[in-house]
Structures are given as C-alpha cells and as structure tokens.
PDB file of N, CA and C in Angstrom:
ATOM      1  N   MET A   1      -0.659   9.768 -23.979  1.00  0.00           N
ATOM      2  CA  MET A   1      -0.872   9.535 -22.653  1.00  0.00           C
ATOM      3  C   MET A   1      -0.366  10.551 -21.705  1.00  0.00           C
ATOM      4  N   LYS A   2      -1.192  11.050 -20.802  1.00  0.00           N
ATOM      5  CA  LYS A   2      -0.764  12.011 -19.882  1.00  0.00           C
ATOM      6  C   LYS A   2      -0.640  11.580 -18.437  1.00  0.00           C
ATOM      7  N   CYS A   3       0.495  11.842 -17.854  1.00  0.00           N
ATOM      8  CA  CYS A   3       0.727  11.428 -16.450  1.00  0.00           C
ATOM      9  C   CYS A   3       0.144  12.368 -15.560  1.00  0.00           C
ATOM     10  N   LEU A   4      -0.400  12.030 -14.352  1.00  0.00           N
ATOM     11  CA  LEU A   4      -0.763  13.052 -13.435  1.00  0.00           C
ATOM     12  C   LEU A   4      -0.378  12.627 -12.044  1.00  0.00           C
ATOM     13  N   SER A   5       0.297  13.374 -11.304  1.00  0.00           N
ATOM     14  CA  SER A   5       0.809  13.067  -9.919  1.00  0.00           C
ATOM     15  C   SER A   5      -0.305  13.570  -9.018  1.00  0.00           C
ATOM     16  N   ILE A   6      -0.609  12.724  -8.139  1.00  0.00           N
ATOM     17  CA  ILE A   6      -1.505  13.100  -6.983  1.00  0.00           C
ATOM     18  C   ILE A   6      -0.922  13.083  -5.786  1.00  0.00           C
ATOM     19  N   TYR A   7      -0.812  14.181  -4.888  1.00  0.00           N
ATOM     20  CA  TYR A   7      -0.020  14.297  -3.722  1.00  0.00           C
ATOM     21  C   TYR A   7      -1.076  14.381  -2.595  1.00  0.00           C
ATOM     22  N   SER A   8      -1.122  13.606  -1.613  1.00  0.00           N
ATOM     23  CA  SER A   8      -1.880  13.555  -0.432  1.00  0.00           C
ATOM     24  C   SER A   8      -0.927  13.949   0.701  1.00  0.00           C
ATOM     25  N   PHE A   9      -0.724  15.162   1.075  1.00  0.00           N
ATOM     26  CA  PHE A   9       0.223  15.496   2.127  1.00  0.00           C
ATOM     27  C   PHE A   9      -0.007  15.082   3.566  1.00  0.00           C
ATOM     28  N   TRP A  10      -1.324  14.806   3.823  1.00  0.00           N
ATOM     29  CA  TRP A  10      -1.600  14.526   5.131  1.00  0.00           C
ATOM     30  C   TRP A  10      -1.347  12.995   5.420  1.00  0.00           C
ATOM     31  N   ARG A  11      -0.945  12.338   4.432  1.00  0.00           N
ATOM     32  CA  ARG A  11      -0.370  10.864   4.459  1.00  0.00           C
ATOM     33  C   ARG A  11       1.058  10.853   3.971  1.00  0.00           C
ATOM     34  N   TYR A  12       1.463  11.973   3.505  1.00  0.00           N
ATOM     35  CA  TYR A  12       2.827  11.937   2.892  1.00  0.00           C
ATOM     36  C   TYR A  12       3.038  10.829   1.768  1.00  0.00           C
ATOM     37  N   SER A  13       1.859  10.818   0.905  1.00  0.00           N
ATOM     38  CA  SER A  13       1.867   9.720  -0.106  1.00  0.00           C
ATOM     39  C   SER A  13       1.890  10.386  -1.470  1.00  0.00           C
ATOM     40  N   GLU A  14       2.624   9.739  -2.264  1.00  0.00           N
ATOM     41  CA  GLU A  14       2.601  10.163  -3.643  1.00  0.00           C
ATOM     42  C   GLU A  14       2.146   9.031  -4.646  1.00  0.00           C
ATOM     43  N   VAL A  15       1.228   9.187  -5.418  1.00  0.00           N
ATOM     44  CA  VAL A  15       0.666   8.161  -6.206  1.00  0.00           C
ATOM     45  C   VAL A  15       0.641   8.732  -7.717  1.00  0.00           C
ATOM     46  N   GLU A  16       1.198   8.006  -8.553  1.00  0.00           N
ATOM     47  CA  GLU A  16       1.222   8.506 -10.038  1.00  0.00           C
ATOM     48  C   GLU A  16       0.092   7.666 -10.620  1.00  0.00           C
ATOM     49  N   SER A  17      -0.603   8.399 -11.389  1.00  0.00           N
ATOM     50  CA  SER A  17      -1.763   7.751 -12.108  1.00  0.00           C
ATOM     51  C   SER A  17      -1.275   7.684 -13.589  1.00  0.00           C
ATOM     52  N   TYR A  18      -1.888   6.729 -14.178  1.00  0.00           N
ATOM     53  CA  TYR A  18      -1.628   6.645 -15.614  1.00  0.00           C
ATOM     54  C   TYR A  18      -2.791   6.045 -16.417  1.00  0.00           C
ATOM     55  N   THR A  19      -3.026   6.226 -17.740  1.00  0.00           N
ATOM     56  CA  THR A  19      -4.111   5.522 -18.331  1.00  0.00           C
ATOM     57  C   THR A  19      -3.499   4.451 -19.261  1.00  0.00           C
ATOM     58  N   SER A  20      -4.204   3.389 -19.506  1.00  0.00           N
ATOM     59  CA  SER A  20      -3.778   2.269 -20.178  1.00  0.00           C
ATOM     60  C   SER A  20      -4.772   2.044 -21.416  1.00  0.00           C
ATOM     61  N   THR A  21      -4.208   1.922 -22.554  1.00  0.00           N
ATOM     62  CA  THR A  21      -5.042   1.644 -23.736  1.00  0.00           C
ATOM     63  C   THR A  21      -4.837   0.110 -24.148  1.00  0.00           C
ATOM     64  N   ASN A  22      -4.363  -0.668 -23.232  1.00  0.00           N
ATOM     65  CA  ASN A  22      -3.980  -2.059 -23.585  1.00  0.00           C
ATOM     66  C   ASN A  22      -5.330  -2.919 -23.407  1.00  0.00           C
ATOM     67  N   SER A  23      -6.256  -2.432 -22.912  1.00  0.00           N
ATOM     68  CA  SER A  23      -7.498  -3.278 -22.779  1.00  0.00           C
ATOM     69  C   SER A  23      -8.749  -2.514 -23.470  1.00  0.00           C
ATOM     70  N   PRO A  24      -9.771  -3.218 -23.735  1.00  0.00           N
ATOM     71  CA  PRO A  24     -10.732  -2.785 -24.651  1.00  0.00           C
ATOM     72  C   PRO A  24     -11.486  -1.466 -23.948  1.00  0.00           C
ATOM     73  N   THR A  25     -11.345  -1.222 -22.733  1.00  0.00           N
ATOM     74  CA  THR A  25     -11.841   0.059 -22.113  1.00  0.00           C
ATOM     75  C   THR A  25     -10.826   0.854 -21.477  1.00  0.00           C
ATOM     76  N   LEU A  26     -10.788   2.018 -21.396  1.00  0.00           N
ATOM     77  CA  LEU A  26      -9.830   2.957 -20.803  1.00  0.00           C
ATOM     78  C   LEU A  26      -9.927   2.778 -19.302  1.00  0.00           C
ATOM     79  N   LYS A  27      -8.847   2.547 -18.702  1.00  0.00           N
ATOM     80  CA  LYS A  27      -9.008   2.291 -17.152  1.00  0.00           C
ATOM     81  C   LYS A  27      -7.939   3.282 -16.527  1.00  0.00           C
ATOM     82  N   LEU A  28      -8.178   3.587 -15.309  1.00  0.00           N
ATOM     83  CA  LEU A  28      -7.249   4.486 -14.584  1.00  0.00           C
ATOM     84  C   LEU A  28      -6.510   3.590 -13.729  1.00  0.00           C
ATOM     85  N   GLY A  29      -5.138   3.558 -13.644  1.00  0.00           N
ATOM     86  CA  GLY A  29      -4.346   2.673 -12.941  1.00  0.00           C
ATOM     87  C   GLY A  29      -3.258   3.637 -12.079  1.00  0.00           C
ATOM     88  N   ALA A  30      -2.817   2.976 -11.131  1.00  0.00           N
ATOM     89  CA  ALA A  30      -1.790   3.783 -10.116  1.00  0.00           C
ATOM     90  C   ALA A  30      -0.645   2.791  -9.600  1.00  0.00           C
ATOM     91  N   TYR A  31       0.364   3.375  -9.389  1.00  0.00           N
ATOM     92  CA  TYR A  31       1.517   2.685  -8.905  1.00  0.00           C
ATOM     93  C   TYR A  31       2.379   3.425  -7.888  1.00  0.00           C
ATOM     94  N   CYS A  32       2.920   2.761  -6.973  1.00  0.00           N
ATOM     95  CA  CYS A  32       3.668   3.540  -5.970  1.00  0.00           C
ATOM     96  C   CYS A  32       4.986   4.101  -6.364  1.00  0.00           C
ATOM     97  N   THR A  33       5.277   5.271  -5.947  1.00  0.00           N
ATOM     98  CA  THR A  33       6.605   5.955  -6.193  1.00  0.00           C
ATOM     99  C   THR A  33       7.212   6.341  -5.023  1.00  0.00           C
ATOM    100  N   SER A  34       8.623   6.624  -5.041  1.00  0.00           N
ATOM    101  CA  SER A  34       9.378   7.130  -4.019  1.00  0.00           C
ATOM    102  C   SER A  34       9.299   8.574  -4.049  1.00  0.00           C
ATOM    103  N   SER A  35       9.929   9.412  -3.141  1.00  0.00           N
ATOM    104  CA  SER A  35       9.892  10.771  -3.142  1.00  0.00           C
ATOM    105  C   SER A  35      10.631  11.470  -4.285  1.00  0.00           C
ATOM    106  N   ASP A  36      11.469  10.673  -4.939  1.00  0.00           N
ATOM    107  CA  ASP A  36      12.092  11.124  -6.196  1.00  0.00           C
ATOM    108  C   ASP A  36      11.412  10.764  -7.477  1.00  0.00           C
ATOM    109  N   GLY A  37      10.248  10.150  -7.347  1.00  0.00           N
ATOM    110  CA  GLY A  37       9.346   9.793  -8.428  1.00  0.00           C
ATOM    111  C   GLY A  37       9.607   8.436  -9.118  1.00  0.00           C
ATOM    112  N   ALA A  38      10.705   7.784  -8.442  1.00  0.00           N
ATOM    113  CA  ALA A  38      10.959   6.399  -9.014  1.00  0.00           C
ATOM    114  C   ALA A  38       9.914   5.410  -8.642  1.00  0.00           C
ATOM    115  N   ARG A  39       9.551   4.479  -9.507  1.00  0.00           N
ATOM    116  CA  ARG A  39       8.731   3.472  -9.254  1.00  0.00           C
ATOM    117  C   ARG A  39       9.180   2.600  -7.922  1.00  0.00           C
ATOM    118  N   VAL A  40       8.229   2.170  -7.141  1.00  0.00           N
ATOM    119  CA  VAL A  40       8.674   1.313  -5.969  1.00  0.00           C
ATOM    120  C   VAL A  40       8.097  -0.030  -6.229  1.00  0.00           C
ATOM    121  N   GLY A  41       8.991  -0.995  -6.457  1.00  0.00           N
ATOM    122  CA  GLY A  41       8.658  -2.335  -6.727  1.00  0.00           C
ATOM    123  C   GLY A  41       7.484  -2.521  -7.642  1.00  0.00           C
ATOM    124  N   SER A  42       6.833  -3.690  -7.545  1.00  0.00           N
ATOM    125  CA  SER A  42       5.729  -3.818  -8.553  1.00  0.00           C
ATOM    126  C   SER A  42       4.284  -3.598  -7.998  1.00  0.00           C
ATOM    127  N   TYR A  43       4.361  -2.786  -6.864  1.00  0.00           N
ATOM    128  CA  TYR A  43       3.114  -2.563  -6.289  1.00  0.00           C
ATOM    129  C   TYR A  43       2.158  -1.611  -7.211  1.00  0.00           C
ATOM    130  N   SER A  44       0.931  -1.972  -7.306  1.00  0.00           N
ATOM    131  CA  SER A  44       0.118  -1.130  -8.291  1.00  0.00           C
ATOM    132  C   SER A  44      -1.387  -1.475  -7.956  1.00  0.00           C
ATOM    133  N   LEU A  45      -2.169  -0.570  -8.393  1.00  0.00           N
ATOM    134  CA  LEU A  45      -3.501  -0.744  -8.463  1.00  0.00           C
ATOM    135  C   LEU A  45      -4.112  -0.772  -9.978  1.00  0.00           C
ATOM    136  N   PRO A  46      -4.282  -1.819 -10.610  1.00  0.00           N
ATOM    137  CA  PRO A  46      -4.599  -1.773 -11.971  1.00  0.00           C
ATOM    138  C   PRO A  46      -5.872  -0.926 -12.416  1.00  0.00           C
ATOM    139  N   ASP A  47      -6.857  -0.978 -11.625  1.00  0.00           N
ATOM    140  CA  ASP A  47      -8.029  -0.221 -11.903  1.00  0.00           C
ATOM    141  C   ASP A  47      -8.271   0.715 -10.603  1.00  0.00           C
ATOM    142  N   ALA A  48      -7.737   1.922 -10.816  1.00  0.00           N
ATOM    143  CA  ALA A  48      -7.723   2.740  -9.520  1.00  0.00           C
ATOM    144  C   ALA A  48      -8.953   3.771  -9.633  1.00  0.00           C
ATOM    145  N   SER A  49      -9.887   3.584 -10.464  1.00  0.00           N
ATOM    146  CA  SER A  49     -11.004   4.422 -10.590  1.00  0.00           C
ATOM    147  C   SER A  49     -12.050   4.483  -9.390  1.00  0.00           C
ATOM    148  N   PHE A  50     -11.957   3.492  -8.667  1.00  0.00           N
ATOM    149  CA  PHE A  50     -12.806   3.403  -7.445  1.00  0.00           C
ATOM    150  C   PHE A  50     -12.089   3.426  -6.131  1.00  0.00           C
ATOM    151  N   ASN A  51     -10.807   3.139  -6.076  1.00  0.00           N
ATOM    152  CA  ASN A  51     -10.017   2.940  -4.836  1.00  0.00           C
ATOM    153  C   ASN A  51      -8.895   3.890  -4.736  1.00  0.00           C
ATOM    154  N   LEU A  52      -8.726   4.899  -5.610  1.00  0.00           N
ATOM    155  CA  LEU A  52      -7.457   5.686  -5.599  1.00  0.00           C
ATOM    156  C   LEU A  52      -7.313   6.533  -4.295  1.00  0.00           C
ATOM    157  N   ASP A  53      -8.479   6.764  -3.629  1.00  0.00           N
ATOM    158  CA  ASP A  53      -8.323   7.615  -2.376  1.00  0.00           C
ATOM    159  C   ASP A  53      -7.944   6.705  -1.241  1.00  0.00           C
ATOM    160  N   LYS A  54      -7.957   5.368  -1.447  1.00  0.00           N
ATOM    161  CA  LYS A  54      -7.355   4.450  -0.383  1.00  0.00           C
ATOM    162  C   LYS A  54      -5.993   4.063  -0.525  1.00  0.00           C
ATOM    163  N   LEU A  55      -5.485   4.395  -1.626  1.00  0.00           N
ATOM    164  CA  LEU A  55      -4.064   3.896  -1.997  1.00  0.00           C
ATOM    165  C   LEU A  55      -3.088   4.944  -1.345  1.00  0.00           C
ATOM    166  N   ASN A  56      -2.165   4.414  -0.455  1.00  0.00           N
ATOM    167  CA  ASN A  56      -1.159   5.222   0.273  1.00  0.00           C
ATOM    168  C   ASN A  56       0.147   4.889   0.037  1.00  0.00           C
ATOM    169  N   CYS A  57       0.459   3.713  -0.356  1.00  0.00           N
ATOM    170  CA  CYS A  57       1.841   3.055  -0.589  1.00  0.00           C
ATOM    171  C   CYS A  57       2.693   3.204   0.652  1.00  0.00           C
ATOM    172  N   ASN A  58       2.171   3.335   1.793  1.00  0.00           N
ATOM    173  CA  ASN A  58       3.055   3.458   3.001  1.00  0.00           C
ATOM    174  C   ASN A  58       3.898   2.209   3.215  1.00  0.00           C
ATOM    175  N   CYS A  59       3.420   1.094   3.025  1.00  0.00           N
ATOM    176  CA  CYS A  59       4.003  -0.237   3.238  1.00  0.00           C
ATOM    177  C   CYS A  59       5.234  -0.409   2.227  1.00  0.00           C
ATOM    178  N   ALA A  60       4.885  -0.125   1.015  1.00  0.00           N
ATOM    179  CA  ALA A  60       5.929  -0.268  -0.110  1.00  0.00           C
ATOM    180  C   ALA A  60       7.110   0.568   0.137  1.00  0.00           C
ATOM    181  N   ARG A  61       6.682   1.876   0.540  1.00  0.00           N
ATOM    182  CA  ARG A  61       8.028   2.812   0.763  1.00  0.00           C
ATOM    183  C   ARG A  61       8.781   2.433   2.006  1.00  0.00           C
ATOM    184  N   ASP A  62       7.981   1.974   3.056  1.00  0.00           N
ATOM    185  CA  ASP A  62       8.695   1.526   4.302  1.00  0.00           C
ATOM    186  C   ASP A  62       9.662   0.248   4.080  1.00  0.00           C
ATOM    187  N   LYS A  63       9.035  -0.549   3.245  1.00  0.00           N
ATOM    188  CA  LYS A  63       9.853  -1.843   2.971  1.00  0.00           C
ATOM    189  C   LYS A  63      11.064  -1.487   2.208  1.00  0.00           C
ATOM    190  N   GLN A  64      10.958  -0.534   1.195  1.00  0.00           N
ATOM    191  CA  GLN A  64      12.104  -0.265   0.426  1.00  0.00           C
ATOM    192  C   GLN A  64      13.100   0.630   1.272  1.00  0.00           C
ATOM    193  N   LYS A  65      12.626   1.541   2.095  1.00  0.00           N
ATOM    194  CA  LYS A  65      13.463   2.448   2.901  1.00  0.00           C
ATOM    195  C   LYS A  65      14.209   1.757   4.005  1.00  0.00           C
ATOM    196  N   TYR A  66      13.619   0.845   4.696  1.00  0.00           N
ATOM    197  CA  TYR A  66      14.141   0.256   5.967  1.00  0.00           C
ATOM    198  C   TYR A  66      14.506  -1.261   5.695  1.00  0.00           C
ATOM    199  N   ASN A  67      14.075  -1.822   4.655  1.00  0.00           N
ATOM    200  CA  ASN A  67      14.475  -3.185   4.251  1.00  0.00           C
ATOM    201  C   ASN A  67      13.975  -4.142   5.356  1.00  0.00           C
ATOM    202  N   TYR A  68      12.745  -3.929   5.919  1.00  0.00           N
ATOM    203  CA  TYR A  68      12.235  -4.824   6.947  1.00  0.00           C
ATOM    204  C   TYR A  68      11.393  -5.872   6.248  1.00  0.00           C
ATOM    205  N   LYS A  69      11.029  -6.898   6.880  1.00  0.00           N
ATOM    206  CA  LYS A  69      10.203  -8.016   6.466  1.00  0.00           C
ATOM    207  C   LYS A  69       8.793  -7.662   6.886  1.00  0.00           C
ATOM    208  N   ILE A  70       8.064  -6.899   6.047  1.00  0.00           N
ATOM    209  CA  ILE A  70       6.719  -6.520   6.456  1.00  0.00           C
ATOM    210  C   ILE A  70       5.683  -7.016   5.287  1.00  0.00           C
ATOM    211  N   ASN A  71       4.511  -7.127   5.668  1.00  0.00           N
ATOM    212  CA  ASN A  71       3.534  -7.681   4.739  1.00  0.00           C
ATOM    213  C   ASN A  71       2.795  -6.476   4.187  1.00  0.00           C
ATOM    214  N   CYS A  72       2.913  -6.395   2.829  1.00  0.00           N
ATOM    215  CA  CYS A  72       2.297  -5.320   2.052  1.00  0.00           C
ATOM    216  C   CYS A  72       1.184  -5.955   1.282  1.00  0.00           C
ATOM    217  N   LEU A  73       0.169  -5.271   0.923  1.00  0.00           N
ATOM    218  CA  LEU A  73      -0.847  -5.589  -0.077  1.00  0.00           C
ATOM    219  C   LEU A  73      -0.487  -5.325  -1.362  1.00  0.00           C
ATOM    220  N   GLU A  74      -1.065  -5.917  -2.444  1.00  0.00           N
ATOM    221  CA  GLU A  74      -0.624  -5.846  -3.901  1.00  0.00           C
ATOM    222  C   GLU A  74      -0.588  -4.306  -4.166  1.00  0.00           C
ATOM    223  N   ASN A  75      -1.325  -3.466  -3.692  1.00  0.00           N
ATOM    224  CA  ASN A  75      -1.239  -2.061  -4.021  1.00  0.00           C
ATOM    225  C   ASN A  75      -0.126  -1.191  -3.188  1.00  0.00           C
ATOM    226  N   GLY A  76       0.625  -1.892  -2.325  1.00  0.00           N
ATOM    227  CA  GLY A  76       1.694  -1.134  -1.635  1.00  0.00           C
ATOM    228  C   GLY A  76       1.139  -0.685  -0.268  1.00  0.00           C
ATOM    229  N   ASN A  77      -0.081  -0.769   0.074  1.00  0.00           N
ATOM    230  CA  ASN A  77      -0.594  -0.406   1.441  1.00  0.00           C
ATOM    231  C   ASN A  77      -0.224  -1.491   2.453  1.00  0.00           C
ATOM    232  N   TYR A  78      -0.195  -1.232   3.701  1.00  0.00           N
ATOM    233  CA  TYR A  78       0.005  -2.178   4.764  1.00  0.00           C
ATOM    234  C   TYR A  78      -1.046  -3.326   4.672  1.00  0.00           C
ATOM    235  N   ASN A  79      -0.664  -4.548   4.882  1.00  0.00           N
ATOM    236  CA  ASN A  79      -1.602  -5.501   5.238  1.00  0.00           C
ATOM    237  C   ASN A  79      -2.027  -5.462   6.681  1.00  0.00           C
ATOM    238  N   PRO A  80      -3.262  -5.402   7.070  1.00  0.00           N
ATOM    239  CA  PRO A  80      -3.661  -5.060   8.457  1.00  0.00           C
ATOM    240  C   PRO A  80      -3.133  -6.218   9.356  1.00  0.00           C
ATOM    241  N   LEU A  81      -3.015  -7.460   8.860  1.00  0.00           N
ATOM    242  CA  LEU A  81      -2.469  -8.447   9.585  1.00  0.00           C
ATOM    243  C   LEU A  81      -0.985  -8.685   9.365  1.00  0.00           C
ATOM    244  N   GLN A  82      -0.168  -8.492  10.387  1.00  0.00           N
ATOM    245  CA  GLN A  82       1.291  -8.607  10.183  1.00  0.00           C
ATOM    246  C   GLN A  82       1.726  -9.791  11.003  1.00  0.00           C
ATOM    247  N   THR A  83       2.884 -10.407  10.705  1.00  0.00           N
ATOM    248  CA  THR A  83       3.380 -11.643  11.409  1.00  0.00           C
ATOM    249  C   THR A  83       4.718 -11.302  12.018  1.00  0.00           C
ATOM    250  N   THR A  84       5.139 -12.118  12.891  1.00  0.00           N
ATOM    251  CA  THR A  84       6.508 -11.844  13.535  1.00  0.00           C
ATOM    252  C   THR A  84       7.331 -13.213  13.069  1.00  0.00           C
ATOM    253  N   GLN A  85       8.695 -12.953  13.253  1.00  0.00           N
ATOM    254  CA  GLN A  85       9.480 -14.255  13.009  1.00  0.00           C
ATOM    255  C   GLN A  85       9.283 -15.453  13.839  1.00  0.00           C
ATOM    256  N   SER A  86       8.639 -15.121  15.172  1.00  0.00           N
ATOM    257  CA  SER A  86       8.329 -16.297  16.013  1.00  0.00           C
ATOM    258  C   SER A  86       6.823 -16.671  15.817  1.00  0.00           C
ATOM    259  N   ASN A  87       6.221 -16.498  14.663  1.00  0.00           N
ATOM    260  CA  ASN A  87       4.989 -16.964  14.284  1.00  0.00           C
ATOM    261  C   ASN A  87       3.796 -16.242  15.251  1.00  0.00           C
ATOM    262  N   GLY A  88       4.054 -15.027  15.662  1.00  0.00           N
ATOM    263  CA  GLY A  88       3.118 -14.237  16.248  1.00  0.00           C
ATOM    264  C   GLY A  88       2.311 -13.469  15.348  1.00  0.00           C
ATOM    265  N   TYR A  89       1.152 -12.934  15.538  1.00  0.00           N
ATOM    266  CA  TYR A  89       0.367 -12.061  14.719  1.00  0.00           C
ATOM    267  C   TYR A  89      -0.047 -10.867  15.533  1.00  0.00           C
ATOM    268  N   TYR A  90      -0.190  -9.687  14.711  1.00  0.00           N
ATOM    269  CA  TYR A  90      -0.537  -8.483  15.260  1.00  0.00           C
ATOM    270  C   TYR A  90      -1.292  -7.665  14.093  1.00  0.00           C
ATOM    271  N   CYS A  91      -2.155  -6.727  14.494  1.00  0.00           N
ATOM    272  CA  CYS A  91      -2.758  -5.729  13.616  1.00  0.00           C
ATOM    273  C   CYS A  91      -2.091  -4.466  13.600  1.00  0.00           C
ATOM    274  N   VAL A  92      -2.078  -3.753  12.414  1.00  0.00           N
ATOM    275  CA  VAL A  92      -1.416  -2.560  12.192  1.00  0.00           C
ATOM    276  C   VAL A  92      -2.529  -1.543  11.608  1.00  0.00           C
ATOM    277  N   ASP A  93      -2.147  -0.179  11.725  1.00  0.00           N
ATOM    278  CA  ASP A  93      -3.137   0.691  10.854  1.00  0.00           C
ATOM    279  C   ASP A  93      -2.506   1.046   9.542  1.00  0.00           C
ATOM    280  N   ASP A  94      -2.962   1.981   8.942  1.00  0.00           N
ATOM    281  CA  ASP A  94      -2.534   2.266   7.536  1.00  0.00           C
ATOM    282  C   ASP A  94      -1.170   2.826   7.522  1.00  0.00           C
ATOM    283  N   ASP A  95      -0.563   3.168   8.551  1.00  0.00           N
ATOM    284  CA  ASP A  95       0.753   3.558   8.603  1.00  0.00           C
ATOM    285  C   ASP A  95       1.723   2.603   9.122  1.00  0.00           C
ATOM    286  N   GLY A  96       1.200   1.512   9.569  1.00  0.00           N
ATOM    287  CA  GLY A  96       1.978   0.413   9.900  1.00  0.00           C
ATOM    288  C   GLY A  96       2.277   0.328  11.494  1.00  0.00           C
ATOM    289  N   PHE A  97       1.656   1.185  12.146  1.00  0.00           N
ATOM    290  CA  PHE A  97       1.689   1.175  13.653  1.00  0.00           C
ATOM    291  C   PHE A  97       0.869   0.089  14.390  1.00  0.00           C
ATOM    292  N   PRO A  98       1.353  -0.752  15.253  1.00  0.00           N
ATOM    293  CA  PRO A  98       0.704  -1.711  15.844  1.00  0.00           C
ATOM    294  C   PRO A  98      -0.638  -1.265  16.602  1.00  0.00           C
ATOM    295  N   LYS A  99      -1.654  -1.918  16.427  1.00  0.00           N
ATOM    296  CA  LYS A  99      -2.903  -1.587  17.097  1.00  0.00           C
ATOM    297  C   LYS A  99      -3.547  -2.497  17.988  1.00  0.00           C
ATOM    298  N   THR A 100      -2.695  -3.680  18.190  1.00  0.00           N
ATOM    299  CA  THR A 100      -3.172  -4.753  19.031  1.00  0.00           C
ATOM    300  C   THR A 100      -1.877  -5.338  19.766  1.00  0.00           C
ATOM    301  N   ASP A 101      -2.111  -6.200  20.761  1.00  0.00           N
ATOM    302  CA  ASP A 101      -1.101  -7.045  21.317  1.00  0.00           C
ATOM    303  C   ASP A 101      -0.941  -8.159  20.356  1.00  0.00           C
ATOM    304  N   MET A 102       0.119  -8.949  20.766  1.00  0.00           N
ATOM    305  CA  MET A 102       0.315 -10.266  19.901  1.00  0.00           C
ATOM    306  C   MET A 102      -0.699 -11.362  20.065  1.00  0.00           C
ATOM    307  N   PHE A 103      -0.988 -12.072  19.058  1.00  0.00           N
ATOM    308  CA  PHE A 103      -1.815 -13.163  18.957  1.00  0.00           C
ATOM    309  C   PHE A 103      -1.035 -14.488  18.583  1.00  0.00           C
ATOM    310  N   ASP A 104      -1.416 -15.557  19.092  1.00  0.00           N
ATOM    311  CA  ASP A 104      -0.803 -16.813  18.526  1.00  0.00           C
ATOM    312  C   ASP A 104      -1.498 -17.463  17.479  1.00  0.00           C
ATOM    313  N   ARG A 105      -2.529 -16.709  16.786  1.00  0.00           N
ATOM    314  CA  ARG A 105      -3.287 -17.242  15.708  1.00  0.00           C
ATOM    315  C   ARG A 105      -3.624 -16.119  14.847  1.00  0.00           C
ATOM    316  N   GLU A 106      -3.984 -16.336  13.548  1.00  0.00           N
ATOM    317  CA  GLU A 106      -4.444 -15.295  12.745  1.00  0.00           C
ATOM    318  C   GLU A 106      -5.824 -14.683  13.276  1.00  0.00           C
ATOM    319  N   VAL A 107      -5.916 -13.539  13.087  1.00  0.00           N
ATOM    320  CA  VAL A 107      -7.201 -12.825  13.512  1.00  0.00           C
ATOM    321  C   VAL A 107      -7.803 -11.887  12.416  1.00  0.00           C
ATOM    322  N   ASN A 108      -9.052 -11.557  12.678  1.00  0.00           N
ATOM    323  CA  ASN A 108      -9.584 -10.627  11.648  1.00  0.00           C
ATOM    324  C   ASN A 108      -9.395  -9.138  12.221  1.00  0.00           C
ATOM    325  N   CYS A 109      -8.505  -8.464  11.784  1.00  0.00           N
ATOM    326  CA  CYS A 109      -8.099  -7.186  12.345  1.00  0.00           C
ATOM    327  C   CYS A 109      -9.185  -6.077  12.308  1.00  0.00           C
ATOM    328  N   THR A 110     -10.153  -6.276  11.451  1.00  0.00           N
ATOM    329  CA  THR A 110     -11.321  -5.332  11.489  1.00  0.00           C
ATOM    330  C   THR A 110     -12.114  -5.395  12.777  1.00  0.00           C
ATOM    331  N   GLU A 111     -12.004  -6.435  13.543  1.00  0.00           N
ATOM    332  CA  GLU A 111     -12.628  -6.503  14.784  1.00  0.00           C
ATOM    333  C   GLU A 111     -11.971  -5.670  15.879  1.00  0.00           C
ATOM    334  N   TYR A 112     -10.848  -5.197  15.681  1.00  0.00           N
ATOM    335  CA  TYR A 112     -10.092  -4.601  16.752  1.00  0.00           C
ATOM    336  C   TYR A 112      -9.938  -2.905  16.414  1.00  0.00           C
ATOM    337  N   TYR A 113     -10.185  -2.521  15.280  1.00  0.00           N
ATOM    338  CA  TYR A 113     -10.320  -0.997  15.016  1.00  0.00           C
ATOM    339  C   TYR A 113     -11.006  -0.696  13.710  1.00  0.00           C
TER     340      TYR A 113
END
C-alpha cells in the first residue's frame, strides 16, 4: 500500500489518500490530517474517487486547533448550516466564514450563495 499526500496550497489543506483492500473492489479513501501529518479525529471520506477535489478538512482542523463547538460534515469540511448556543442559525462558506445574518429557523444555505 502506497500513501500519497495531496497538497492544495490555495486552501491550505492537506489530505492524505490511501488505498483499501478490505472490500471487494479497490477504493480510494481520504482522511484529514494536521500540518504535522497526524490524523485529525475520525473525519474521512471512504470513497474519495469522485469528491477528493471537494475535501478541504477546514472544519476538522479549526475544531481541533480552536476547540470551538462548530458543525463539521463527516469528511471534515464545514457544514454550511451552523448553529449558535442561543438556537440561532447562520450559513458559512468552505472556510467557516459567515455568509448570512442570523435566522431563527433552519434554512437551506444553498439559497444564499
């Protein structure tokens, strides 16, 4: 098994890819790493063959670095819909920056950007 590190400097993301022979077909998977190469939590993309270019792990790394309560997707990217402690909702971009004002209900963030 050969590991390959893919660096996307414009997003400052590092994603390690690995192959898995535990299934009947060979699949490409990916998981989030910190700048020192250590795995970040259990965030992963089991079959990265189609979505590796969309994996940035920004939320996983921010959550580890700042210890904030933020909503990450299973792959370590930001969930577009974030919540506040006071039950407010707002939308964020891929880097976690707010893109909307606060809402008092859940919204579909794709309608706003």
